[in-house]
Amino acid sequence: MPATADDPVQNRKAALYAALAELPAGQVISYGQLAALAGLGRAARWVGRCLSQLPEDSRLPWHRVVAAGGRLSLPPGSPAGDEQRRRLAAEGIAVHGGRLDIRRYGWHPPRQSG
């Protein structure tokens, strides 16, 4: 059944994907910050579930989303974990011991004035 404009789950996913698409190369954001940026409140776990279900050919930069404090939640040695580490390294983001420097690489989009 196709999604409609009244479908709250599809609307939430659309907001999530739009916010994620804005994330520039070489910067990262936490699951919780991405949820807040997308207007989804405190939905960090929901964001993680959605990103884990992206199609393999998705062009969204899922690899730039990390756990709080710059921790990588995907384990090394797993296909997705290794892919995330490869993509981050290709963007110049250094990962040490499963963490990255969130202060250095964290994205803080400009606030919208309304």
PDB file of N, CA and C in Angstrom:
ATOM      1  N   MET A   1       0.849  -1.176   0.000  1.00  0.00           N
ATOM      2  CA  MET A   1       0.000   0.000   0.000  1.00  0.00           C
ATOM      3  C   MET A   1       0.898   1.243   0.000  1.00  0.00           C
ATOM      4  N   PRO A   2       0.738   2.156  -0.954  1.00  0.00           N
ATOM      5  CA  PRO A   2       1.592   3.346  -1.008  1.00  0.00           C
ATOM      6  C   PRO A   2       1.316   4.291   0.156  1.00  0.00           C
ATOM      7  N   ALA A   3       2.356   5.018   0.534  1.00  0.00           N
ATOM      8  CA  ALA A   3       2.229   5.997   1.623  1.00  0.00           C
ATOM      9  C   ALA A   3       1.404   7.180   1.156  1.00  0.00           C
ATOM     10  N   THR A   4       0.680   7.767   2.079  1.00  0.00           N
ATOM     11  CA  THR A   4      -0.098   8.965   1.778  1.00  0.00           C
ATOM     12  C   THR A   4       0.437  10.115   2.609  1.00  0.00           C
ATOM     13  N   ALA A   5      -0.033  11.296   2.313  1.00  0.00           N
ATOM     14  CA  ALA A   5       0.390  12.473   3.078  1.00  0.00           C
ATOM     15  C   ALA A   5      -0.036  12.356   4.536  1.00  0.00           C
ATOM     16  N   ASP A   6      -1.016  11.483   4.810  1.00  0.00           N
ATOM     17  CA  ASP A   6      -1.508  11.300   6.175  1.00  0.00           C
ATOM     18  C   ASP A   6      -0.749  10.216   6.934  1.00  0.00           C
ATOM     19  N   ASP A   7       0.252   9.598   6.313  1.00  0.00           N
ATOM     20  CA  ASP A   7       0.979   8.495   6.925  1.00  0.00           C
ATOM     21  C   ASP A   7       2.054   9.055   7.859  1.00  0.00           C
ATOM     22  N   PRO A   8       1.830   8.990   9.173  1.00  0.00           N
ATOM     23  CA  PRO A   8       2.782   9.622  10.106  1.00  0.00           C
ATOM     24  C   PRO A   8       4.169   8.987  10.080  1.00  0.00           C
ATOM     25  N   VAL A   9       4.266   7.687   9.874  1.00  0.00           N
ATOM     26  CA  VAL A   9       5.585   7.043   9.844  1.00  0.00           C
ATOM     27  C   VAL A   9       6.363   7.515   8.617  1.00  0.00           C
ATOM     28  N   GLN A  10       5.716   7.554   7.481  1.00  0.00           N
ATOM     29  CA  GLN A  10       6.396   8.010   6.266  1.00  0.00           C
ATOM     30  C   GLN A  10       6.764   9.487   6.373  1.00  0.00           C
ATOM     31  N   ASN A  11       5.932  10.283   7.004  1.00  0.00           N
ATOM     32  CA  ASN A  11       6.249  11.699   7.206  1.00  0.00           C
ATOM     33  C   ASN A  11       7.470  11.858   8.107  1.00  0.00           C
ATOM     34  N   ARG A  12       7.552  11.041   9.147  1.00  0.00           N
ATOM     35  CA  ARG A  12       8.709  11.088  10.052  1.00  0.00           C
ATOM     36  C   ARG A  12       9.977  10.658   9.321  1.00  0.00           C
ATOM     37  N   LYS A  13       9.864   9.594   8.518  1.00  0.00           N
ATOM     38  CA  LYS A  13      11.031   9.139   7.752  1.00  0.00           C
ATOM     39  C   LYS A  13      11.468  10.197   6.749  1.00  0.00           C
ATOM     40  N   ALA A  14      10.517  10.853   6.102  1.00  0.00           N
ATOM     41  CA  ALA A  14      10.863  11.897   5.137  1.00  0.00           C
ATOM     42  C   ALA A  14      11.612  13.032   5.828  1.00  0.00           C
ATOM     43  N   ALA A  15      11.172  13.420   7.028  1.00  0.00           N
ATOM     44  CA  ALA A  15      11.850  14.481   7.785  1.00  0.00           C
ATOM     45  C   ALA A  15      13.261  14.028   8.173  1.00  0.00           C
ATOM     46  N   LEU A  16      13.389  12.778   8.602  1.00  0.00           N
ATOM     47  CA  LEU A  16      14.694  12.222   8.973  1.00  0.00           C
ATOM     48  C   LEU A  16      15.640  12.227   7.774  1.00  0.00           C
ATOM     49  N   TYR A  17      15.181  11.729   6.655  1.00  0.00           N
ATOM     50  CA  TYR A  17      16.033  11.632   5.465  1.00  0.00           C
ATOM     51  C   TYR A  17      16.420  13.014   4.946  1.00  0.00           C
ATOM     52  N   ALA A  18      15.501  13.964   5.019  1.00  0.00           N
ATOM     53  CA  ALA A  18      15.817  15.328   4.574  1.00  0.00           C
ATOM     54  C   ALA A  18      16.903  15.944   5.453  1.00  0.00           C
ATOM     55  N   ALA A  19      16.810  15.745   6.767  1.00  0.00           N
ATOM     56  CA  ALA A  19      17.827  16.284   7.683  1.00  0.00           C
ATOM     57  C   ALA A  19      19.167  15.596   7.444  1.00  0.00           C
ATOM     58  N   LEU A  20      19.164  14.286   7.274  1.00  0.00           N
ATOM     59  CA  LEU A  20      20.399  13.542   7.051  1.00  0.00           C
ATOM     60  C   LEU A  20      21.068  13.960   5.743  1.00  0.00           C
ATOM     61  N   ALA A  21      20.291  14.237   4.729  1.00  0.00           N
ATOM     62  CA  ALA A  21      20.835  14.627   3.425  1.00  0.00           C
ATOM     63  C   ALA A  21      21.622  15.936   3.506  1.00  0.00           C
ATOM     64  N   GLU A  22      21.344  16.751   4.507  1.00  0.00           N
ATOM     65  CA  GLU A  22      22.030  18.037   4.675  1.00  0.00           C
ATOM     66  C   GLU A  22      23.412  17.907   5.317  1.00  0.00           C
ATOM     67  N   LEU A  23      23.689  16.774   5.935  1.00  0.00           N
ATOM     68  CA  LEU A  23      24.928  16.565   6.686  1.00  0.00           C
ATOM     69  C   LEU A  23      26.131  16.575   5.747  1.00  0.00           C
ATOM     70  N   PRO A  24      27.034  17.544   5.910  1.00  0.00           N
ATOM     71  CA  PRO A  24      28.162  17.658   4.980  1.00  0.00           C
ATOM     72  C   PRO A  24      29.229  16.578   5.193  1.00  0.00           C
ATOM     73  N   ALA A  25      29.948  16.287   4.123  1.00  0.00           N
ATOM     74  CA  ALA A  25      31.059  15.340   4.186  1.00  0.00           C
ATOM     75  C   ALA A  25      32.094  15.855   5.192  1.00  0.00           C
ATOM     76  N   GLY A  26      32.711  14.917   5.903  1.00  0.00           N
ATOM     77  CA  GLY A  26      33.749  15.266   6.868  1.00  0.00           C
ATOM     78  C   GLY A  26      33.213  15.684   8.220  1.00  0.00           C
ATOM     79  N   GLN A  27      31.891  15.582   8.397  1.00  0.00           N
ATOM     80  CA  GLN A  27      31.290  15.921   9.686  1.00  0.00           C
ATOM     81  C   GLN A  27      30.316  14.823  10.079  1.00  0.00           C
ATOM     82  N   VAL A  28      30.062  14.723  11.382  1.00  0.00           N
ATOM     83  CA  VAL A  28      29.176  13.686  11.910  1.00  0.00           C
ATOM     84  C   VAL A  28      28.134  14.316  12.829  1.00  0.00           C
ATOM     85  N   ILE A  29      27.125  13.517  13.136  1.00  0.00           N
ATOM     86  CA  ILE A  29      26.070  13.945  14.045  1.00  0.00           C
ATOM     87  C   ILE A  29      25.634  12.723  14.851  1.00  0.00           C
ATOM     88  N   SER A  30      25.163  12.933  16.060  1.00  0.00           N
ATOM     89  CA  SER A  30      24.697  11.802  16.856  1.00  0.00           C
ATOM     90  C   SER A  30      23.255  11.460  16.466  1.00  0.00           C
ATOM     91  N   TYR A  31      22.850  10.250  16.801  1.00  0.00           N
ATOM     92  CA  TYR A  31      21.481   9.823  16.521  1.00  0.00           C
ATOM     93  C   TYR A  31      20.480  10.786  17.156  1.00  0.00           C
ATOM     94  N   GLY A  32      20.731  11.169  18.398  1.00  0.00           N
ATOM     95  CA  GLY A  32      19.822  12.072  19.102  1.00  0.00           C
ATOM     96  C   GLY A  32      19.778  13.454  18.489  1.00  0.00           C
ATOM     97  N   GLN A  33      20.944  13.974  18.095  1.00  0.00           N
ATOM     98  CA  GLN A  33      20.973  15.296  17.462  1.00  0.00           C
ATOM     99  C   GLN A  33      20.248  15.268  16.123  1.00  0.00           C
ATOM    100  N   LEU A  34      20.409  14.181  15.374  1.00  0.00           N
ATOM    101  CA  LEU A  34      19.724  14.060  14.093  1.00  0.00           C
ATOM    102  C   LEU A  34      18.212  14.009  14.303  1.00  0.00           C
ATOM    103  N   ALA A  35      17.763  13.274  15.305  1.00  0.00           N
ATOM    104  CA  ALA A  35      16.335  13.214  15.607  1.00  0.00           C
ATOM    105  C   ALA A  35      15.798  14.609  15.921  1.00  0.00           C
ATOM    106  N   ALA A  36      16.508  15.340  16.756  1.00  0.00           N
ATOM    107  CA  ALA A  36      16.071  16.692  17.120  1.00  0.00           C
ATOM    108  C   ALA A  36      16.072  17.610  15.902  1.00  0.00           C
ATOM    109  N   LEU A  37      17.099  17.522  15.082  1.00  0.00           N
ATOM    110  CA  LEU A  37      17.200  18.352  13.880  1.00  0.00           C
ATOM    111  C   LEU A  37      16.035  18.089  12.928  1.00  0.00           C
ATOM    112  N   ALA A  38      15.605  16.840  12.860  1.00  0.00           N
ATOM    113  CA  ALA A  38      14.499  16.462  11.981  1.00  0.00           C
ATOM    114  C   ALA A  38      13.139  16.775  12.595  1.00  0.00           C
ATOM    115  N   GLY A  39      13.138  17.318  13.821  1.00  0.00           N
ATOM    116  CA  GLY A  39      11.869  17.634  14.480  1.00  0.00           C
ATOM    117  C   GLY A  39      11.181  16.422  15.081  1.00  0.00           C
ATOM    118  N   LEU A  40      11.964  15.407  15.427  1.00  0.00           N
ATOM    119  CA  LEU A  40      11.409  14.159  15.938  1.00  0.00           C
ATOM    120  C   LEU A  40      11.590  13.996  17.442  1.00  0.00           C
ATOM    121  N   GLY A  41      12.010  15.048  18.104  1.00  0.00           N
ATOM    122  CA  GLY A  41      12.174  14.986  19.556  1.00  0.00           C
ATOM    123  C   GLY A  41      13.310  14.070  19.953  1.00  0.00           C
ATOM    124  N   ARG A  42      13.052  13.252  20.957  1.00  0.00           N
ATOM    125  CA  ARG A  42      14.084  12.378  21.511  1.00  0.00           C
ATOM    126  C   ARG A  42      13.930  10.960  20.945  1.00  0.00           C
ATOM    127  N   ALA A  43      14.058  10.826  19.652  1.00  0.00           N
ATOM    128  CA  ALA A  43      13.807   9.552  18.971  1.00  0.00           C
ATOM    129  C   ALA A  43      15.097   8.913  18.448  1.00  0.00           C
ATOM    130  N   ALA A  44      16.165   8.975  19.239  1.00  0.00           N
ATOM    131  CA  ALA A  44      17.462   8.465  18.788  1.00  0.00           C
ATOM    132  C   ALA A  44      17.391   6.989  18.401  1.00  0.00           C
ATOM    133  N   ARG A  45      16.735   6.184  19.185  1.00  0.00           N
ATOM    134  CA  ARG A  45      16.667   4.747  18.877  1.00  0.00           C
ATOM    135  C   ARG A  45      15.869   4.498  17.606  1.00  0.00           C
ATOM    136  N   TRP A  46      14.806   5.252  17.412  1.00  0.00           N
ATOM    137  CA  TRP A  46      14.000   5.126  16.191  1.00  0.00           C
ATOM    138  C   TRP A  46      14.854   5.495  14.980  1.00  0.00           C
ATOM    139  N   VAL A  47      15.655   6.557  15.107  1.00  0.00           N
ATOM    140  CA  VAL A  47      16.550   6.965  14.020  1.00  0.00           C
ATOM    141  C   VAL A  47      17.498   5.814  13.686  1.00  0.00           C
ATOM    142  N   GLY A  48      18.087   5.194  14.693  1.00  0.00           N
ATOM    143  CA  GLY A  48      18.989   4.071  14.474  1.00  0.00           C
ATOM    144  C   GLY A  48      18.314   2.917  13.746  1.00  0.00           C
ATOM    145  N   ARG A  49      17.096   2.606  14.140  1.00  0.00           N
ATOM    146  CA  ARG A  49      16.359   1.533  13.463  1.00  0.00           C
ATOM    147  C   ARG A  49      16.108   1.879  12.001  1.00  0.00           C
ATOM    148  N   CYS A  50      15.697   3.110  11.740  1.00  0.00           N
ATOM    149  CA  CYS A  50      15.435   3.524  10.354  1.00  0.00           C
ATOM    150  C   CYS A  50      16.696   3.448   9.503  1.00  0.00           C
ATOM    151  N   LEU A  51      17.805   3.906  10.050  1.00  0.00           N
ATOM    152  CA  LEU A  51      19.042   3.885   9.284  1.00  0.00           C
ATOM    153  C   LEU A  51      19.510   2.458   9.028  1.00  0.00           C
ATOM    154  N   SER A  52      19.237   1.548   9.957  1.00  0.00           N
ATOM    155  CA  SER A  52      19.644   0.154   9.755  1.00  0.00           C
ATOM    156  C   SER A  52      18.818  -0.525   8.673  1.00  0.00           C
ATOM    157  N   GLN A  53      17.695   0.073   8.309  1.00  0.00           N
ATOM    158  CA  GLN A  53      16.807  -0.512   7.302  1.00  0.00           C
ATOM    159  C   GLN A  53      16.902   0.181   5.945  1.00  0.00           C
ATOM    160  N   LEU A  54      17.867   1.093   5.788  1.00  0.00           N
ATOM    161  CA  LEU A  54      18.030   1.753   4.494  1.00  0.00           C
ATOM    162  C   LEU A  54      18.411   0.717   3.435  1.00  0.00           C
ATOM    163  N   PRO A  55      17.942   0.907   2.211  1.00  0.00           N
ATOM    164  CA  PRO A  55      18.373  -0.009   1.147  1.00  0.00           C
ATOM    165  C   PRO A  55      19.882   0.092   0.928  1.00  0.00           C
ATOM    166  N   GLU A  56      20.491  -0.986   0.482  1.00  0.00           N
ATOM    167  CA  GLU A  56      21.940  -1.016   0.276  1.00  0.00           C
ATOM    168  C   GLU A  56      22.423   0.073  -0.668  1.00  0.00           C
ATOM    169  N   ASP A  57      21.597   0.433  -1.636  1.00  0.00           N
ATOM    170  CA  ASP A  57      22.003   1.428  -2.631  1.00  0.00           C
ATOM    171  C   ASP A  57      21.648   2.859  -2.231  1.00  0.00           C
ATOM    172  N   SER A  58      21.254   3.069  -0.980  1.00  0.00           N
ATOM    173  CA  SER A  58      20.898   4.412  -0.522  1.00  0.00           C
ATOM    174  C   SER A  58      22.101   5.344  -0.642  1.00  0.00           C
ATOM    175  N   ARG A  59      21.835   6.566  -1.073  1.00  0.00           N
ATOM    176  CA  ARG A  59      22.902   7.564  -1.182  1.00  0.00           C
ATOM    177  C   ARG A  59      22.932   8.486   0.047  1.00  0.00           C
ATOM    178  N   LEU A  60      22.082   8.222   1.025  1.00  0.00           N
ATOM    179  CA  LEU A  60      22.099   9.022   2.256  1.00  0.00           C
ATOM    180  C   LEU A  60      23.380   8.708   3.041  1.00  0.00           C
ATOM    181  N   PRO A  61      23.979   9.709   3.673  1.00  0.00           N
ATOM    182  CA  PRO A  61      25.245   9.496   4.398  1.00  0.00           C
ATOM    183  C   PRO A  61      25.052   8.906   5.791  1.00  0.00           C
ATOM    184  N   TRP A  62      24.483   7.706   5.866  1.00  0.00           N
ATOM    185  CA  TRP A  62      24.212   7.030   7.135  1.00  0.00           C
ATOM    186  C   TRP A  62      25.477   6.842   7.962  1.00  0.00           C
ATOM    187  N   HIS A  63      26.617   6.728   7.290  1.00  0.00           N
ATOM    188  CA  HIS A  63      27.885   6.467   7.975  1.00  0.00           C
ATOM    189  C   HIS A  63      28.328   7.652   8.830  1.00  0.00           C
ATOM    190  N   ARG A  64      27.741   8.814   8.635  1.00  0.00           N
ATOM    191  CA  ARG A  64      28.111  10.010   9.407  1.00  0.00           C
ATOM    192  C   ARG A  64      27.314  10.145  10.702  1.00  0.00           C
ATOM    193  N   VAL A  65      26.471   9.175  11.008  1.00  0.00           N
ATOM    194  CA  VAL A  65      25.667   9.215  12.232  1.00  0.00           C
ATOM    195  C   VAL A  65      26.308   8.281  13.248  1.00  0.00           C
ATOM    196  N   VAL A  66      26.601   8.836  14.425  1.00  0.00           N
ATOM    197  CA  VAL A  66      27.320   8.099  15.465  1.00  0.00           C
ATOM    198  C   VAL A  66      26.560   8.187  16.784  1.00  0.00           C
ATOM    199  N   ALA A  67      26.955   7.369  17.726  1.00  0.00           N
ATOM    200  CA  ALA A  67      26.349   7.411  19.058  1.00  0.00           C
ATOM    201  C   ALA A  67      26.878   8.630  19.822  1.00  0.00           C
ATOM    202  N   ALA A  68      26.245   8.901  20.918  1.00  0.00           N
ATOM    203  CA  ALA A  68      26.613  10.050  21.744  1.00  0.00           C
ATOM    204  C   ALA A  68      28.094   9.992  22.104  1.00  0.00           C
ATOM    205  N   GLY A  69      28.722  11.141  22.132  1.00  0.00           N
ATOM    206  CA  GLY A  69      30.121  11.227  22.506  1.00  0.00           C
ATOM    207  C   GLY A  69      31.091  10.789  21.423  1.00  0.00           C
ATOM    208  N   GLY A  70      30.579  10.512  20.206  1.00  0.00           N
ATOM    209  CA  GLY A  70      31.454  10.126  19.110  1.00  0.00           C
ATOM    210  C   GLY A  70      31.762   8.649  19.022  1.00  0.00           C
ATOM    211  N   ARG A  71      31.007   7.848  19.757  1.00  0.00           N
ATOM    212  CA  ARG A  71      31.222   6.397  19.744  1.00  0.00           C
ATOM    213  C   ARG A  71      30.557   5.787  18.510  1.00  0.00           C
ATOM    214  N   LEU A  72      31.259   4.870  17.847  1.00  0.00           N
ATOM    215  CA  LEU A  72      30.667   4.143  16.721  1.00  0.00           C
ATOM    216  C   LEU A  72      29.865   2.983  17.289  1.00  0.00           C
ATOM    217  N   SER A  73      28.619   2.872  16.897  1.00  0.00           N
ATOM    218  CA  SER A  73      27.784   1.805  17.446  1.00  0.00           C
ATOM    219  C   SER A  73      27.851   0.525  16.626  1.00  0.00           C
ATOM    220  N   LEU A  74      28.367   0.617  15.401  1.00  0.00           N
ATOM    221  CA  LEU A  74      28.510  -0.582  14.575  1.00  0.00           C
ATOM    222  C   LEU A  74      29.855  -1.229  14.886  1.00  0.00           C
ATOM    223  N   PRO A  75      29.862  -2.512  15.208  1.00  0.00           N
ATOM    224  CA  PRO A  75      31.110  -3.143  15.652  1.00  0.00           C
ATOM    225  C   PRO A  75      32.110  -3.345  14.520  1.00  0.00           C
ATOM    226  N   PRO A  76      33.402  -3.210  14.851  1.00  0.00           N
ATOM    227  CA  PRO A  76      34.425  -3.525  13.848  1.00  0.00           C
ATOM    228  C   PRO A  76      34.339  -5.010  13.503  1.00  0.00           C
ATOM    229  N   GLY A  77      34.618  -5.320  12.259  1.00  0.00           N
ATOM    230  CA  GLY A  77      34.528  -6.710  11.826  1.00  0.00           C
ATOM    231  C   GLY A  77      33.176  -7.067  11.239  1.00  0.00           C
ATOM    232  N   SER A  78      32.169  -6.227  11.489  1.00  0.00           N
ATOM    233  CA  SER A  78      30.862  -6.446  10.850  1.00  0.00           C
ATOM    234  C   SER A  78      30.889  -5.735   9.501  1.00  0.00           C
ATOM    235  N   PRO A  79      30.141  -6.225   8.520  1.00  0.00           N
ATOM    236  CA  PRO A  79      30.152  -5.560   7.208  1.00  0.00           C
ATOM    237  C   PRO A  79      29.789  -4.070   7.292  1.00  0.00           C
ATOM    238  N   ALA A  80      28.742  -3.744   8.021  1.00  0.00           N
ATOM    239  CA  ALA A  80      28.325  -2.335   8.123  1.00  0.00           C
ATOM    240  C   ALA A  80      29.344  -1.523   8.917  1.00  0.00           C
ATOM    241  N   GLY A  81      29.883  -2.097   9.984  1.00  0.00           N
ATOM    242  CA  GLY A  81      30.884  -1.402  10.789  1.00  0.00           C
ATOM    243  C   GLY A  81      32.139  -1.102   9.995  1.00  0.00           C
ATOM    244  N   ASP A  82      32.597  -2.085   9.220  1.00  0.00           N
ATOM    245  CA  ASP A  82      33.792  -1.875   8.397  1.00  0.00           C
ATOM    246  C   ASP A  82      33.517  -0.845   7.304  1.00  0.00           C
ATOM    247  N   GLU A  83      32.335  -0.894   6.722  1.00  0.00           N
ATOM    248  CA  GLU A  83      31.972   0.076   5.682  1.00  0.00           C
ATOM    249  C   GLU A  83      31.922   1.488   6.270  1.00  0.00           C
ATOM    250  N   GLN A  84      31.346   1.631   7.458  1.00  0.00           N
ATOM    251  CA  GLN A  84      31.289   2.943   8.096  1.00  0.00           C
ATOM    252  C   GLN A  84      32.691   3.477   8.344  1.00  0.00           C
ATOM    253  N   ARG A  85      33.580   2.669   8.861  1.00  0.00           N
ATOM    254  CA  ARG A  85      34.949   3.101   9.129  1.00  0.00           C
ATOM    255  C   ARG A  85      35.680   3.486   7.836  1.00  0.00           C
ATOM    256  N   ARG A  86      35.459   2.716   6.761  1.00  0.00           N
ATOM    257  CA  ARG A  86      36.070   3.040   5.461  1.00  0.00           C
ATOM    258  C   ARG A  86      35.575   4.385   4.950  1.00  0.00           C
ATOM    259  N   ARG A  87      34.270   4.590   5.022  1.00  0.00           N
ATOM    260  CA  ARG A  87      33.700   5.841   4.514  1.00  0.00           C
ATOM    261  C   ARG A  87      34.150   7.042   5.341  1.00  0.00           C
ATOM    262  N   LEU A  88      34.187   6.899   6.650  1.00  0.00           N
ATOM    263  CA  LEU A  88      34.645   8.002   7.500  1.00  0.00           C
ATOM    264  C   LEU A  88      36.109   8.327   7.204  1.00  0.00           C
ATOM    265  N   ALA A  89      36.944   7.310   7.082  1.00  0.00           N
ATOM    266  CA  ALA A  89      38.369   7.530   6.783  1.00  0.00           C
ATOM    267  C   ALA A  89      38.527   8.235   5.443  1.00  0.00           C
ATOM    268  N   ALA A  90      37.713   7.867   4.454  1.00  0.00           N
ATOM    269  CA  ALA A  90      37.789   8.489   3.131  1.00  0.00           C
ATOM    270  C   ALA A  90      37.436   9.978   3.189  1.00  0.00           C
ATOM    271  N   GLU A  91      36.674  10.370   4.207  1.00  0.00           N
ATOM    272  CA  GLU A  91      36.300  11.777   4.390  1.00  0.00           C
ATOM    273  C   GLU A  91      37.257  12.497   5.337  1.00  0.00           C
ATOM    274  N   GLY A  92      38.317  11.813   5.763  1.00  0.00           N
ATOM    275  CA  GLY A  92      39.304  12.441   6.625  1.00  0.00           C
ATOM    276  C   GLY A  92      38.959  12.418   8.101  1.00  0.00           C
ATOM    277  N   ILE A  93      38.014  11.589   8.493  1.00  0.00           N
ATOM    278  CA  ILE A  93      37.611  11.494   9.898  1.00  0.00           C
ATOM    279  C   ILE A  93      38.375  10.351  10.551  1.00  0.00           C
ATOM    280  N   ALA A  94      39.178  10.694  11.549  1.00  0.00           N
ATOM    281  CA  ALA A  94      39.996   9.699  12.247  1.00  0.00           C
ATOM    282  C   ALA A  94      39.178   9.008  13.333  1.00  0.00           C
ATOM    283  N   VAL A  95      39.239   7.685  13.350  1.00  0.00           N
ATOM    284  CA  VAL A  95      38.566   6.873  14.359  1.00  0.00           C
ATOM    285  C   VAL A  95      39.638   6.118  15.129  1.00  0.00           C
ATOM    286  N   HIS A  96      39.596   6.216  16.447  1.00  0.00           N
ATOM    287  CA  HIS A  96      40.562   5.532  17.309  1.00  0.00           C
ATOM    288  C   HIS A  96      39.797   4.804  18.404  1.00  0.00           C
ATOM    289  N   GLY A  97      40.001   3.513  18.498  1.00  0.00           N
ATOM    290  CA  GLY A  97      39.345   2.738  19.554  1.00  0.00           C
ATOM    291  C   GLY A  97      37.831   2.801  19.492  1.00  0.00           C
ATOM    292  N   GLY A  98      37.273   2.871  18.296  1.00  0.00           N
ATOM    293  CA  GLY A  98      35.823   2.893  18.145  1.00  0.00           C
ATOM    294  C   GLY A  98      35.188   4.244  18.428  1.00  0.00           C
ATOM    295  N   ARG A  99      36.009   5.283  18.508  1.00  0.00           N
ATOM    296  CA  ARG A  99      35.505   6.637  18.771  1.00  0.00           C
ATOM    297  C   ARG A  99      36.138   7.630  17.818  1.00  0.00           C
ATOM    298  N   LEU A 100      35.455   8.752  17.677  1.00  0.00           N
ATOM    299  CA  LEU A 100      36.006   9.880  16.940  1.00  0.00           C
ATOM    300  C   LEU A 100      35.813  11.123  17.786  1.00  0.00           C
ATOM    301  N   ASP A 101      36.540  12.162  17.465  1.00  0.00           N
ATOM    302  CA  ASP A 101      36.478  13.408  18.227  1.00  0.00           C
ATOM    303  C   ASP A 101      35.238  14.191  17.800  1.00  0.00           C
ATOM    304  N   ILE A 102      34.187  14.076  18.587  1.00  0.00           N
ATOM    305  CA  ILE A 102      32.909  14.708  18.248  1.00  0.00           C
ATOM    306  C   ILE A 102      33.028  16.238  18.256  1.00  0.00           C
ATOM    307  N   ARG A 103      33.924  16.776  19.076  1.00  0.00           N
ATOM    308  CA  ARG A 103      34.106  18.234  19.083  1.00  0.00           C
ATOM    309  C   ARG A 103      34.754  18.706  17.788  1.00  0.00           C
ATOM    310  N   ARG A 104      35.623  17.897  17.255  1.00  0.00           N
ATOM    311  CA  ARG A 104      36.310  18.270  16.015  1.00  0.00           C
ATOM    312  C   ARG A 104      35.443  18.037  14.778  1.00  0.00           C
ATOM    313  N   TYR A 105      34.751  16.899  14.738  1.00  0.00           N
ATOM    314  CA  TYR A 105      34.022  16.511  13.530  1.00  0.00           C
ATOM    315  C   TYR A 105      32.513  16.708  13.626  1.00  0.00           C
ATOM    316  N   GLY A 106      32.012  17.075  14.804  1.00  0.00           N
ATOM    317  CA  GLY A 106      30.568  17.221  14.981  1.00  0.00           C
ATOM    318  C   GLY A 106      29.996  18.375  14.169  1.00  0.00           C
ATOM    319  N   TRP A 107      28.842  18.131  13.591  1.00  0.00           N
ATOM    320  CA  TRP A 107      28.166  19.139  12.766  1.00  0.00           C
ATOM    321  C   TRP A 107      27.170  19.897  13.622  1.00  0.00           C
ATOM    322  N   HIS A 108      27.236  21.214  13.521  1.00  0.00           N
ATOM    323  CA  HIS A 108      26.304  22.083  14.222  1.00  0.00           C
ATOM    324  C   HIS A 108      25.714  23.028  13.191  1.00  0.00           C
ATOM    325  N   PRO A 109      24.577  22.642  12.605  1.00  0.00           N
ATOM    326  CA  PRO A 109      23.994  23.478  11.547  1.00  0.00           C
ATOM    327  C   PRO A 109      23.600  24.838  12.086  1.00  0.00           C
ATOM    328  N   PRO A 110      23.638  25.859  11.243  1.00  0.00           N
ATOM    329  CA  PRO A 110      23.206  27.169  11.698  1.00  0.00           C
ATOM    330  C   PRO A 110      21.732  27.143  12.080  1.00  0.00           C
ATOM    331  N   ARG A 111      21.411  27.870  13.110  1.00  0.00           N
ATOM    332  CA  ARG A 111      20.007  27.943  13.555  1.00  0.00           C
ATOM    333  C   ARG A 111      19.205  28.767  12.557  1.00  0.00           C
ATOM    334  N   GLN A 112      18.004  28.296  12.311  1.00  0.00           N
ATOM    335  CA  GLN A 112      17.091  29.028  11.429  1.00  0.00           C
ATOM    336  C   GLN A 112      16.448  30.164  12.218  1.00  0.00           C
ATOM    337  N   SER A 113      16.432  31.343  11.661  1.00  0.00           N
ATOM    338  CA  SER A 113      15.714  32.433  12.341  1.00  0.00           C
ATOM    339  C   SER A 113      14.318  32.463  11.750  1.00  0.00           C
ATOM    340  N   GLY A 114      13.360  32.635  12.607  1.00  0.00           N
ATOM    341  CA  GLY A 114      12.003  32.486  12.118  1.00  0.00           C
ATOM    342  C   GLY A 114      11.218  33.670  12.307  1.00  0.00           C
TER     343      GLY A 114
END
